[in-house]
Amino acid sequence: MRVTLTTATQRPQDRESYWQDVMCQTFLPLNVSVRNSESSESLIGSITAHSIGTLEVATVAANRGLRIVRSRESISRSPRDHFAVALQLDGRSVVAQSGREALLRPGDLVFWDTDHPNVLDSGGPLRFAVYMVPRHSFPLPVRSVHRIRGATIRRDEAIGRLLSPFLTRLATEADSYAASPALDVATLELLAVAAREVTEGGTLSLASHPLLPSVHAFIERNLANPALRPALIAQHFGISTRYLHILFAGQDTTVGAWIRQRRLDACRRTLARPNLATQTIAAIAHQWGFVDAAHFSRTFRTAYGVSPRQWRTANNPVFRHINAK
């Protein structure tokens, strides 16, 4: 469900107090102050909030700088056992938690623990998105929890180049995904990959994600099925197609390109088998999921630089023997 709250509905003299209220209403008890309070420009701020399964997504925008503090007093009055990820969309902010302090530029993100004091401070207009999830739903070992507080990921880091665009789109198009089954689970898995990247100092692990071997095996078993598409694969594994594409992006490829290459490899091997020399090229293409023979021929030539017939003539012993006569 989408909820939008904006100061534009309030009288100018009431906007800052209203803003404090809606920030607390959307997230949790916070101390919110507006920078340059002497400015003649009235505060225009908006919050758009969505729920996607257990994941709460909110986009915050303001035309003035903000200082947002989650203090010990606020925590004692209203604890909330959640993790949060804040993604800077526009403007710049300084964020701090557990002794860490960092400057966030657009595309950068930071992990927060809502039950520990934190601060977000911006000197000018900003827009950011917040993703909140119950701690018990976040797949991160307890021993690593303290290491994630205040940890940042830059947009130009390996995991940031995948995570930042994904989260940006999730926030800006949340209405489109609100009814997507298991999208919250897939998002949490991706955030957990990023969290482990930060807390364990590992390398980008999407390329070796434990789900990928099973996905590859499923594709191999179903190459002959012309209906093999990302949506079918995602449905089989109970994940979103978007998350499936993210897994393959970690391998520097796409789902469609992977399927196409595996089919071409299978056709190439079949064309070289002497016991199948009587099969037509069109039949072999169809056997491995290509519906249109002409399309298969063009795709094969693009991949290998020769036509299927030329490949077969050069690599199948039966045809080599015939040509040798």
C-alpha atoms as a PDB file:
ATOM      1  CA  MET A   1       0.000   0.000   0.000  1.00  0.00           C
ATOM      2  CA  ARG A   2       1.291   3.428  -0.984  1.00  0.00           C
ATOM      3  CA  VAL A   3       1.099   6.332   1.496  1.00  0.00           C
ATOM      4  CA  THR A   4       2.279   9.842   0.636  1.00  0.00           C
ATOM      5  CA  LEU A   5       2.634  12.608   3.211  1.00  0.00           C
ATOM      6  CA  THR A   6       3.727  16.127   2.314  1.00  0.00           C
ATOM      7  CA  THR A   7       4.180  19.460   4.048  1.00  0.00           C
ATOM      8  CA  ALA A   8       2.591  21.145   1.029  1.00  0.00           C
ATOM      9  CA  THR A   9      -0.813  20.476   2.592  1.00  0.00           C
ATOM     10  CA  GLN A  10       0.090  22.552   5.687  1.00  0.00           C
ATOM     11  CA  ARG A  11       0.339  26.267   6.384  1.00  0.00           C
ATOM     12  CA  PRO A  12       3.971  27.492   6.046  1.00  0.00           C
ATOM     13  CA  GLN A  13       4.242  28.208   9.800  1.00  0.00           C
ATOM     14  CA  ASP A  14       3.122  24.639  10.626  1.00  0.00           C
ATOM     15  CA  ARG A  15       5.299  22.735   8.196  1.00  0.00           C
ATOM     16  CA  GLU A  16       8.366  22.080  10.346  1.00  0.00           C
ATOM     17  CA  SER A  17       6.392  20.660  13.258  1.00  0.00           C
ATOM     18  CA  TYR A  18       4.289  18.606  10.838  1.00  0.00           C
ATOM     19  CA  TRP A  19       7.478  17.303   9.255  1.00  0.00           C
ATOM     20  CA  GLN A  20       8.746  16.114  12.635  1.00  0.00           C
ATOM     21  CA  ASP A  21       5.467  14.276  13.172  1.00  0.00           C
ATOM     22  CA  VAL A  22       5.362  12.531   9.806  1.00  0.00           C
ATOM     23  CA  MET A  23       9.010  11.450  10.041  1.00  0.00           C
ATOM     24  CA  CYS A  24       8.305   9.795  13.389  1.00  0.00           C
ATOM     25  CA  GLN A  25       5.040   8.359  12.129  1.00  0.00           C
ATOM     26  CA  THR A  26       6.702   6.788   9.081  1.00  0.00           C
ATOM     27  CA  PHE A  27       9.851   5.477  10.740  1.00  0.00           C
ATOM     28  CA  LEU A  28      10.233   5.662  14.531  1.00  0.00           C
ATOM     29  CA  PRO A  29      10.792   8.344  17.194  1.00  0.00           C
ATOM     30  CA  LEU A  30      13.421  10.758  15.849  1.00  0.00           C
ATOM     31  CA  ASN A  31      14.636  14.262  16.533  1.00  0.00           C
ATOM     32  CA  VAL A  32      14.340  16.166  13.263  1.00  0.00           C
ATOM     33  CA  SER A  33      15.578  19.706  12.780  1.00  0.00           C
ATOM     34  CA  VAL A  34      15.575  21.804   9.635  1.00  0.00           C
ATOM     35  CA  ARG A  35      18.788  23.537   8.587  1.00  0.00           C
ATOM     36  CA  ASN A  36      18.872  27.297   7.952  1.00  0.00           C
ATOM     37  CA  SER A  37      15.691  27.860   9.899  1.00  0.00           C
ATOM     38  CA  GLU A  38      16.098  31.591   9.309  1.00  0.00           C
ATOM     39  CA  SER A  39      15.648  31.051   5.584  1.00  0.00           C
ATOM     40  CA  SER A  40      12.593  32.652   4.023  1.00  0.00           C
ATOM     41  CA  GLU A  41      12.041  29.523   1.939  1.00  0.00           C
ATOM     42  CA  SER A  42       9.302  27.401   3.475  1.00  0.00           C
ATOM     43  CA  LEU A  43      10.036  23.731   4.051  1.00  0.00           C
ATOM     44  CA  ILE A  44       8.673  21.479   1.324  1.00  0.00           C
ATOM     45  CA  GLY A  45       9.132  17.858   2.258  1.00  0.00           C
ATOM     46  CA  SER A  46       7.443  14.624   1.243  1.00  0.00           C
ATOM     47  CA  ILE A  47       7.542  10.992   2.263  1.00  0.00           C
ATOM     48  CA  THR A  48       6.197   8.183   0.106  1.00  0.00           C
ATOM     49  CA  ALA A  49       6.008   4.835   1.901  1.00  0.00           C
ATOM     50  CA  HIS A  50       5.295   1.317   0.625  1.00  0.00           C
ATOM     51  CA  SER A  51       5.240  -2.192   2.033  1.00  0.00           C
ATOM     52  CA  ILE A  52       6.593  -5.122   0.029  1.00  0.00           C
ATOM     53  CA  GLY A  53       6.080  -8.183   2.186  1.00  0.00           C
ATOM     54  CA  THR A  54       8.123  -7.661   5.355  1.00  0.00           C
ATOM     55  CA  LEU A  55      10.149  -4.920   3.674  1.00  0.00           C
ATOM     56  CA  GLU A  56       9.184  -1.306   4.336  1.00  0.00           C
ATOM     57  CA  VAL A  57      10.341   1.158   1.672  1.00  0.00           C
ATOM     58  CA  ALA A  58      10.127   4.936   2.047  1.00  0.00           C
ATOM     59  CA  THR A  59      11.421   7.782  -0.114  1.00  0.00           C
ATOM     60  CA  VAL A  60      12.118  11.095   1.631  1.00  0.00           C
ATOM     61  CA  ALA A  61      12.652  14.417  -0.158  1.00  0.00           C
ATOM     62  CA  ALA A  62      13.172  17.917   1.255  1.00  0.00           C
ATOM     63  CA  ASN A  63      14.126  21.274  -0.222  1.00  0.00           C
ATOM     64  CA  ARG A  64      16.098  22.203   2.913  1.00  0.00           C
ATOM     65  CA  GLY A  65      18.921  20.573   4.816  1.00  0.00           C
ATOM     66  CA  LEU A  66      17.938  18.198   7.619  1.00  0.00           C
ATOM     67  CA  ARG A  67      19.515  16.811  10.769  1.00  0.00           C
ATOM     68  CA  ILE A  68      17.899  13.526  11.805  1.00  0.00           C
ATOM     69  CA  VAL A  69      18.938  11.987  15.128  1.00  0.00           C
ATOM     70  CA  ARG A  70      17.941   8.675  16.658  1.00  0.00           C
ATOM     71  CA  SER A  71      19.037   9.247  20.252  1.00  0.00           C
ATOM     72  CA  ARG A  72      19.387   6.898  23.212  1.00  0.00           C
ATOM     73  CA  GLU A  73      16.382   8.578  24.757  1.00  0.00           C
ATOM     74  CA  SER A  74      14.294   7.926  21.636  1.00  0.00           C
ATOM     75  CA  ILE A  75      15.423   4.306  21.594  1.00  0.00           C
ATOM     76  CA  SER A  76      14.544   3.766  25.258  1.00  0.00           C
ATOM     77  CA  ARG A  77      11.081   5.256  24.692  1.00  0.00           C
ATOM     78  CA  SER A  78      10.403   3.223  21.572  1.00  0.00           C
ATOM     79  CA  PRO A  79      12.780   0.398  20.690  1.00  0.00           C
ATOM     80  CA  ARG A  80      12.329  -1.125  17.272  1.00  0.00           C
ATOM     81  CA  ASP A  81      14.287  -4.244  16.464  1.00  0.00           C
ATOM     82  CA  HIS A  82      14.970  -3.484  12.805  1.00  0.00           C
ATOM     83  CA  PHE A  83      17.814  -3.074  10.380  1.00  0.00           C
ATOM     84  CA  ALA A  84      17.658  -0.248   7.889  1.00  0.00           C
ATOM     85  CA  VAL A  85      19.510   0.640   4.709  1.00  0.00           C
ATOM     86  CA  ALA A  86      19.538   4.276   3.617  1.00  0.00           C
ATOM     87  CA  LEU A  87      20.329   5.075  -0.020  1.00  0.00           C
ATOM     88  CA  GLN A  88      21.287   8.620  -1.004  1.00  0.00           C
ATOM     89  CA  LEU A  89      19.380   9.548  -4.167  1.00  0.00           C
ATOM     90  CA  ASP A  90      20.136  13.282  -4.480  1.00  0.00           C
ATOM     91  CA  GLY A  91      22.232  15.735  -2.492  1.00  0.00           C
ATOM     92  CA  ARG A  92      24.840  14.805   0.111  1.00  0.00           C
ATOM     93  CA  SER A  93      24.627  13.673   3.718  1.00  0.00           C
ATOM     94  CA  VAL A  94      26.982  12.904   6.555  1.00  0.00           C
ATOM     95  CA  VAL A  95      25.938   9.776   8.442  1.00  0.00           C
ATOM     96  CA  ALA A  96      27.262   8.398  11.718  1.00  0.00           C
ATOM     97  CA  GLN A  97      26.691   5.314  13.866  1.00  0.00           C
ATOM     98  CA  SER A  98      28.872   3.261  16.233  1.00  0.00           C
ATOM     99  CA  GLY A  99      31.893   5.502  15.788  1.00  0.00           C
ATOM    100  CA  ARG A 100      31.741   5.449  11.988  1.00  0.00           C
ATOM    101  CA  GLU A 101      31.148   8.603   9.975  1.00  0.00           C
ATOM    102  CA  ALA A 102      30.892   8.886   6.217  1.00  0.00           C
ATOM    103  CA  LEU A 103      29.864  11.316   3.505  1.00  0.00           C
ATOM    104  CA  LEU A 104      27.169   9.852   1.266  1.00  0.00           C
ATOM    105  CA  ARG A 105      26.918  10.973  -2.352  1.00  0.00           C
ATOM    106  CA  PRO A 106      24.120   9.948  -4.742  1.00  0.00           C
ATOM    107  CA  GLY A 107      24.153   6.175  -5.137  1.00  0.00           C
ATOM    108  CA  ASP A 108      25.980   5.493  -1.855  1.00  0.00           C
ATOM    109  CA  LEU A 109      24.229   3.596   0.932  1.00  0.00           C
ATOM    110  CA  VAL A 110      24.648   2.919   4.637  1.00  0.00           C
ATOM    111  CA  PHE A 111      23.448   0.203   7.045  1.00  0.00           C
ATOM    112  CA  TRP A 112      21.725   1.239  10.269  1.00  0.00           C
ATOM    113  CA  ASP A 113      20.670  -0.601  13.395  1.00  0.00           C
ATOM    114  CA  THR A 114      17.537   1.188  14.634  1.00  0.00           C
ATOM    115  CA  ASP A 115      18.247   0.301  18.274  1.00  0.00           C
ATOM    116  CA  HIS A 116      21.575   2.127  18.326  1.00  0.00           C
ATOM    117  CA  PRO A 117      22.037   5.907  18.115  1.00  0.00           C
ATOM    118  CA  ASN A 118      22.607   7.308  14.643  1.00  0.00           C
ATOM    119  CA  VAL A 119      22.705  10.657  12.864  1.00  0.00           C
ATOM    120  CA  LEU A 120      22.024  11.820   9.309  1.00  0.00           C
ATOM    121  CA  ASP A 121      23.014  15.408   8.568  1.00  0.00           C
ATOM    122  CA  SER A 122      22.623  17.231   5.247  1.00  0.00           C
ATOM    123  CA  GLY A 123      23.523  20.832   4.564  1.00  0.00           C
ATOM    124  CA  GLY A 124      21.128  21.303   1.654  1.00  0.00           C
ATOM    125  CA  PRO A 125      18.252  19.775  -0.309  1.00  0.00           C
ATOM    126  CA  LEU A 126      18.252  16.004  -0.417  1.00  0.00           C
ATOM    127  CA  ARG A 127      16.375  12.902  -1.394  1.00  0.00           C
ATOM    128  CA  PHE A 128      17.001   9.484   0.065  1.00  0.00           C
ATOM    129  CA  ALA A 129      15.319   6.096   0.339  1.00  0.00           C
ATOM    130  CA  VAL A 130      15.102   3.930   3.446  1.00  0.00           C
ATOM    131  CA  TYR A 131      14.536   0.165   3.472  1.00  0.00           C
ATOM    132  CA  MET A 132      13.569  -1.318   6.846  1.00  0.00           C
ATOM    133  CA  VAL A 133      13.326  -4.975   7.765  1.00  0.00           C
ATOM    134  CA  PRO A 134      12.769  -6.806  11.082  1.00  0.00           C
ATOM    135  CA  ARG A 135      16.063  -7.997  12.495  1.00  0.00           C
ATOM    136  CA  HIS A 136      14.841 -11.605  12.757  1.00  0.00           C
ATOM    137  CA  SER A 137      14.151 -11.605   8.996  1.00  0.00           C
ATOM    138  CA  PHE A 138      17.601 -10.378   8.028  1.00  0.00           C
ATOM    139  CA  PRO A 139      19.855 -13.345   7.136  1.00  0.00           C
ATOM    140  CA  LEU A 140      22.996 -12.145   8.910  1.00  0.00           C
ATOM    141  CA  PRO A 141      24.843 -14.073  11.662  1.00  0.00           C
ATOM    142  CA  VAL A 142      24.466 -12.576  15.136  1.00  0.00           C
ATOM    143  CA  ARG A 143      28.241 -12.325  15.479  1.00  0.00           C
ATOM    144  CA  SER A 144      28.303  -9.922  12.510  1.00  0.00           C
ATOM    145  CA  VAL A 145      25.548  -7.555  13.670  1.00  0.00           C
ATOM    146  CA  HIS A 146      27.806  -5.049  15.418  1.00  0.00           C
ATOM    147  CA  ARG A 147      30.035  -4.811  12.360  1.00  0.00           C
ATOM    148  CA  ILE A 148      27.254  -3.695  10.049  1.00  0.00           C
ATOM    149  CA  ARG A 149      26.264  -0.605  12.054  1.00  0.00           C
ATOM    150  CA  GLY A 150      27.220   2.536  10.167  1.00  0.00           C
ATOM    151  CA  ALA A 151      28.910   0.540   7.393  1.00  0.00           C
ATOM    152  CA  THR A 152      28.743   2.185   3.977  1.00  0.00           C
ATOM    153  CA  ILE A 153      28.860   0.891   0.404  1.00  0.00           C
ATOM    154  CA  ARG A 154      29.917   3.226  -2.390  1.00  0.00           C
ATOM    155  CA  ARG A 155      28.081   3.254  -5.694  1.00  0.00           C
ATOM    156  CA  ASP A 156      31.353   2.572  -7.571  1.00  0.00           C
ATOM    157  CA  GLU A 157      32.262  -0.527  -5.528  1.00  0.00           C
ATOM    158  CA  ALA A 158      31.581  -3.902  -7.110  1.00  0.00           C
ATOM    159  CA  ILE A 159      28.540  -4.734  -4.982  1.00  0.00           C
ATOM    160  CA  GLY A 160      27.430  -1.088  -5.086  1.00  0.00           C
ATOM    161  CA  ARG A 161      27.217  -1.142  -8.883  1.00  0.00           C
ATOM    162  CA  LEU A 162      24.620  -3.895  -8.582  1.00  0.00           C
ATOM    163  CA  LEU A 163      22.843  -2.927  -5.384  1.00  0.00           C
ATOM    164  CA  SER A 164      22.470   0.827  -5.879  1.00  0.00           C
ATOM    165  CA  PRO A 165      20.539   0.728  -9.203  1.00  0.00           C
ATOM    166  CA  PHE A 166      18.402  -2.150  -7.942  1.00  0.00           C
ATOM    167  CA  LEU A 167      17.397  -0.342  -4.736  1.00  0.00           C
ATOM    168  CA  THR A 168      16.859   2.933  -6.602  1.00  0.00           C
ATOM    169  CA  ARG A 169      14.417   1.306  -8.962  1.00  0.00           C
ATOM    170  CA  LEU A 170      12.731  -0.570  -6.144  1.00  0.00           C
ATOM    171  CA  ALA A 171      12.061   2.727  -4.357  1.00  0.00           C
ATOM    172  CA  THR A 172      10.958   4.743  -7.395  1.00  0.00           C
ATOM    173  CA  GLU A 173       8.754   1.982  -8.834  1.00  0.00           C
ATOM    174  CA  ALA A 174       7.611   0.295  -5.627  1.00  0.00           C
ATOM    175  CA  ASP A 175       3.959   0.360  -6.713  1.00  0.00           C
ATOM    176  CA  SER A 176       4.826  -1.982  -9.578  1.00  0.00           C
ATOM    177  CA  TYR A 177       6.395  -4.538  -7.262  1.00  0.00           C
ATOM    178  CA  ALA A 178       4.122  -4.420  -4.210  1.00  0.00           C
ATOM    179  CA  ALA A 179       2.321  -7.592  -5.257  1.00  0.00           C
ATOM    180  CA  SER A 180       5.413  -9.446  -6.501  1.00  0.00           C
ATOM    181  CA  PRO A 181       5.693 -12.747  -4.632  1.00  0.00           C
ATOM    182  CA  ALA A 182       8.941 -13.307  -2.750  1.00  0.00           C
ATOM    183  CA  LEU A 183      10.476 -10.006  -3.902  1.00  0.00           C
ATOM    184  CA  ASP A 184      11.111  -9.012  -0.308  1.00  0.00           C
ATOM    185  CA  VAL A 185      12.952 -12.308   0.273  1.00  0.00           C
ATOM    186  CA  ALA A 186      15.080 -11.804  -2.834  1.00  0.00           C
ATOM    187  CA  THR A 187      15.877  -8.233  -1.788  1.00  0.00           C
ATOM    188  CA  LEU A 188      16.918  -9.391   1.680  1.00  0.00           C
ATOM    189  CA  GLU A 189      19.191 -12.017   0.154  1.00  0.00           C
ATOM    190  CA  LEU A 190      20.874  -9.370  -1.956  1.00  0.00           C
ATOM    191  CA  LEU A 191      21.253  -7.053   1.044  1.00  0.00           C
ATOM    192  CA  ALA A 192      22.734  -9.967   2.990  1.00  0.00           C
ATOM    193  CA  VAL A 193      25.323 -10.458   0.239  1.00  0.00           C
ATOM    194  CA  ALA A 194      26.241  -6.788   0.606  1.00  0.00           C
ATOM    195  CA  ALA A 195      26.316  -7.054   4.398  1.00  0.00           C
ATOM    196  CA  ARG A 196      28.671 -10.028   4.268  1.00  0.00           C
ATOM    197  CA  GLU A 197      30.824  -8.091   1.825  1.00  0.00           C
ATOM    198  CA  VAL A 198      31.154  -5.379   4.480  1.00  0.00           C
ATOM    199  CA  THR A 199      31.361  -7.469   7.638  1.00  0.00           C
ATOM    200  CA  GLU A 200      33.520 -10.321   6.403  1.00  0.00           C
ATOM    201  CA  GLY A 201      35.742  -8.377   4.036  1.00  0.00           C
ATOM    202  CA  GLY A 202      35.097 -10.871   1.262  1.00  0.00           C
ATOM    203  CA  THR A 203      34.875 -10.341  -2.430  1.00  0.00           C
ATOM    204  CA  LEU A 204      31.734  -9.995  -4.464  1.00  0.00           C
ATOM    205  CA  SER A 205      29.952 -13.308  -4.023  1.00  0.00           C
ATOM    206  CA  LEU A 206      27.062 -13.123  -6.469  1.00  0.00           C
ATOM    207  CA  ALA A 207      29.129 -14.947  -9.090  1.00  0.00           C
ATOM    208  CA  SER A 208      29.370 -17.903  -6.682  1.00  0.00           C
ATOM    209  CA  HIS A 209      25.920 -17.555  -5.133  1.00  0.00           C
ATOM    210  CA  PRO A 210      24.790 -20.963  -3.806  1.00  0.00           C
ATOM    211  CA  LEU A 211      21.637 -20.806  -5.948  1.00  0.00           C
ATOM    212  CA  LEU A 212      23.502 -20.430  -9.256  1.00  0.00           C
ATOM    213  CA  PRO A 213      24.600 -24.081  -9.720  1.00  0.00           C
ATOM    214  CA  SER A 214      20.981 -25.179  -9.315  1.00  0.00           C
ATOM    215  CA  VAL A 215      19.829 -22.525 -11.794  1.00  0.00           C
ATOM    216  CA  HIS A 216      22.490 -23.617 -14.292  1.00  0.00           C
ATOM    217  CA  ALA A 217      21.458 -27.269 -13.883  1.00  0.00           C
ATOM    218  CA  PHE A 218      17.792 -26.400 -14.398  1.00  0.00           C
ATOM    219  CA  ILE A 219      18.655 -24.547 -17.599  1.00  0.00           C
ATOM    220  CA  GLU A 220      20.699 -27.506 -18.886  1.00  0.00           C
ATOM    221  CA  ARG A 221      17.788 -29.889 -18.233  1.00  0.00           C
ATOM    222  CA  ASN A 222      15.359 -27.640 -20.067  1.00  0.00           C
ATOM    223  CA  LEU A 223      17.341 -26.378 -23.064  1.00  0.00           C
ATOM    224  CA  ALA A 224      15.022 -28.295 -25.405  1.00  0.00           C
ATOM    225  CA  ASN A 225      12.007 -26.402 -24.077  1.00  0.00           C
ATOM    226  CA  PRO A 226      11.343 -23.405 -26.381  1.00  0.00           C
ATOM    227  CA  ALA A 227       9.390 -21.792 -23.523  1.00  0.00           C
ATOM    228  CA  LEU A 228      12.482 -21.614 -21.301  1.00  0.00           C
ATOM    229  CA  ARG A 229      12.514 -17.962 -20.231  1.00  0.00           C
ATOM    230  CA  PRO A 230      13.661 -15.975 -17.160  1.00  0.00           C
ATOM    231  CA  ALA A 231      10.094 -15.897 -15.816  1.00  0.00           C
ATOM    232  CA  LEU A 232       9.850 -19.699 -15.929  1.00  0.00           C
ATOM    233  CA  ILE A 233      13.209 -20.115 -14.190  1.00  0.00           C
ATOM    234  CA  ALA A 234      12.377 -17.541 -11.509  1.00  0.00           C
ATOM    235  CA  GLN A 235       9.015 -19.187 -10.860  1.00  0.00           C
ATOM    236  CA  HIS A 236      10.657 -22.597 -10.447  1.00  0.00           C
ATOM    237  CA  PHE A 237      13.040 -21.258  -7.775  1.00  0.00           C
ATOM    238  CA  GLY A 238      10.527 -18.959  -6.071  1.00  0.00           C
ATOM    239  CA  ILE A 239      12.469 -15.761  -6.781  1.00  0.00           C
ATOM    240  CA  SER A 240      11.707 -12.653  -8.819  1.00  0.00           C
ATOM    241  CA  THR A 241      12.937 -12.317 -12.393  1.00  0.00           C
ATOM    242  CA  ARG A 242      14.736  -9.141 -11.305  1.00  0.00           C
ATOM    243  CA  TYR A 243      16.717 -11.050  -8.687  1.00  0.00           C
ATOM    244  CA  LEU A 244      17.489 -13.769 -11.238  1.00  0.00           C
ATOM    245  CA  HIS A 245      18.914 -11.119 -13.569  1.00  0.00           C
ATOM    246  CA  ILE A 246      21.019  -9.731 -10.703  1.00  0.00           C
ATOM    247  CA  LEU A 247      22.517 -13.182 -10.075  1.00  0.00           C
ATOM    248  CA  PHE A 248      23.579 -13.453 -13.703  1.00  0.00           C
ATOM    249  CA  ALA A 249      24.890  -9.892 -13.719  1.00  0.00           C
ATOM    250  CA  GLY A 250      27.379 -11.123 -11.120  1.00  0.00           C
ATOM    251  CA  GLN A 251      28.689 -13.399 -13.887  1.00  0.00           C
ATOM    252  CA  ASP A 252      28.906 -10.527 -16.401  1.00  0.00           C
ATOM    253  CA  THR A 253      26.151 -12.010 -18.550  1.00  0.00           C
ATOM    254  CA  THR A 254      22.372 -12.126 -18.853  1.00  0.00           C
ATOM    255  CA  VAL A 255      19.932 -14.994 -18.425  1.00  0.00           C
ATOM    256  CA  GLY A 256      18.967 -14.876 -22.106  1.00  0.00           C
ATOM    257  CA  ALA A 257      22.586 -14.816 -23.268  1.00  0.00           C
ATOM    258  CA  TRP A 258      23.432 -17.780 -21.011  1.00  0.00           C
ATOM    259  CA  ILE A 259      20.523 -19.866 -22.370  1.00  0.00           C
ATOM    260  CA  ARG A 260      21.359 -18.956 -25.968  1.00  0.00           C
ATOM    261  CA  GLN A 261      25.036 -19.886 -25.549  1.00  0.00           C
ATOM    262  CA  ARG A 262      24.254 -23.207 -23.875  1.00  0.00           C
ATOM    263  CA  ARG A 263      21.857 -24.074 -26.720  1.00  0.00           C
ATOM    264  CA  LEU A 264      24.465 -23.125 -29.321  1.00  0.00           C
ATOM    265  CA  ASP A 265      27.093 -25.241 -27.556  1.00  0.00           C
ATOM    266  CA  ALA A 266      24.695 -28.199 -27.508  1.00  0.00           C
ATOM    267  CA  CYS A 267      23.920 -27.760 -31.222  1.00  0.00           C
ATOM    268  CA  ARG A 268      27.596 -27.527 -32.065  1.00  0.00           C
ATOM    269  CA  ARG A 269      28.334 -30.775 -30.236  1.00  0.00           C
ATOM    270  CA  THR A 270      25.376 -32.523 -31.889  1.00  0.00           C
ATOM    271  CA  LEU A 271      26.365 -31.369 -35.362  1.00  0.00           C
ATOM    272  CA  ALA A 272      29.760 -33.002 -34.851  1.00  0.00           C
ATOM    273  CA  ARG A 273      28.380 -36.421 -33.830  1.00  0.00           C
ATOM    274  CA  PRO A 274      28.822 -39.034 -36.597  1.00  0.00           C
ATOM    275  CA  ASN A 275      25.812 -41.129 -35.492  1.00  0.00           C
ATOM    276  CA  LEU A 276      23.521 -38.127 -36.033  1.00  0.00           C
ATOM    277  CA  ALA A 277      24.811 -37.203 -39.470  1.00  0.00           C
ATOM    278  CA  THR A 278      21.442 -38.045 -41.061  1.00  0.00           C
ATOM    279  CA  GLN A 279      19.569 -35.517 -38.936  1.00  0.00           C
ATOM    280  CA  THR A 280      18.837 -32.220 -40.612  1.00  0.00           C
ATOM    281  CA  ILE A 281      20.302 -29.035 -39.201  1.00  0.00           C
ATOM    282  CA  ALA A 282      16.774 -27.696 -38.634  1.00  0.00           C
ATOM    283  CA  ALA A 283      15.870 -30.786 -36.600  1.00  0.00           C
ATOM    284  CA  ILE A 284      18.974 -30.415 -34.445  1.00  0.00           C
ATOM    285  CA  ALA A 285      18.219 -26.741 -33.864  1.00  0.00           C
ATOM    286  CA  HIS A 286      14.657 -27.616 -32.859  1.00  0.00           C
ATOM    287  CA  GLN A 287      15.932 -30.383 -30.586  1.00  0.00           C
ATOM    288  CA  TRP A 288      17.792 -27.763 -28.537  1.00  0.00           C
ATOM    289  CA  GLY A 289      15.025 -25.185 -28.278  1.00  0.00           C
ATOM    290  CA  PHE A 290      15.475 -23.046 -31.394  1.00  0.00           C
ATOM    291  CA  VAL A 291      12.065 -22.560 -33.026  1.00  0.00           C
ATOM    292  CA  ASP A 292      13.151 -20.851 -36.231  1.00  0.00           C
ATOM    293  CA  ALA A 293      15.878 -22.486 -38.364  1.00  0.00           C
ATOM    294  CA  ALA A 294      16.844 -19.251 -40.114  1.00  0.00           C
ATOM    295  CA  HIS A 295      17.208 -17.445 -36.794  1.00  0.00           C
ATOM    296  CA  PHE A 296      19.320 -20.316 -35.490  1.00  0.00           C
ATOM    297  CA  SER A 297      21.603 -20.144 -38.517  1.00  0.00           C
ATOM    298  CA  ARG A 298      22.147 -16.390 -38.098  1.00  0.00           C
ATOM    299  CA  THR A 299      22.785 -16.762 -34.356  1.00  0.00           C
ATOM    300  CA  PHE A 300      25.231 -19.619 -34.927  1.00  0.00           C
ATOM    301  CA  ARG A 301      27.178 -17.656 -37.533  1.00  0.00           C
ATOM    302  CA  THR A 302      27.360 -14.610 -35.241  1.00  0.00           C
ATOM    303  CA  ALA A 303      28.706 -16.754 -32.399  1.00  0.00           C
ATOM    304  CA  TYR A 304      31.208 -18.881 -34.330  1.00  0.00           C
ATOM    305  CA  GLY A 305      31.929 -17.045 -37.582  1.00  0.00           C
ATOM    306  CA  VAL A 306      30.698 -19.894 -39.803  1.00  0.00           C
ATOM    307  CA  SER A 307      27.318 -21.332 -40.730  1.00  0.00           C
ATOM    308  CA  PRO A 308      26.022 -24.524 -39.058  1.00  0.00           C
ATOM    309  CA  ARG A 309      26.536 -26.373 -42.344  1.00  0.00           C
ATOM    310  CA  GLN A 310      30.146 -25.195 -42.614  1.00  0.00           C
ATOM    311  CA  TRP A 311      30.786 -26.212 -39.013  1.00  0.00           C
ATOM    312  CA  ARG A 312      29.301 -29.647 -39.595  1.00  0.00           C
ATOM    313  CA  THR A 313      31.297 -30.194 -42.761  1.00  0.00           C
ATOM    314  CA  ALA A 314      34.550 -29.276 -41.017  1.00  0.00           C
ATOM    315  CA  ASN A 315      33.983 -31.093 -37.715  1.00  0.00           C
ATOM    316  CA  ASN A 316      31.817 -34.156 -38.353  1.00  0.00           C
ATOM    317  CA  PRO A 317      33.959 -37.181 -39.444  1.00  0.00           C
ATOM    318  CA  VAL A 318      31.204 -38.442 -41.763  1.00  0.00           C
ATOM    319  CA  PHE A 319      31.160 -35.220 -43.768  1.00  0.00           C
ATOM    320  CA  ARG A 320      34.942 -34.909 -43.733  1.00  0.00           C
ATOM    321  CA  HIS A 321      35.176 -38.408 -45.242  1.00  0.00           C
ATOM    322  CA  ILE A 322      32.646 -37.552 -47.942  1.00  0.00           C
ATOM    323  CA  ASN A 323      34.498 -34.347 -48.881  1.00  0.00           C
ATOM    324  CA  ALA A 324      37.813 -36.185 -48.979  1.00  0.00           C
ATOM    325  CA  LYS A 325      36.633 -38.431 -51.797  1.00  0.00           C
END
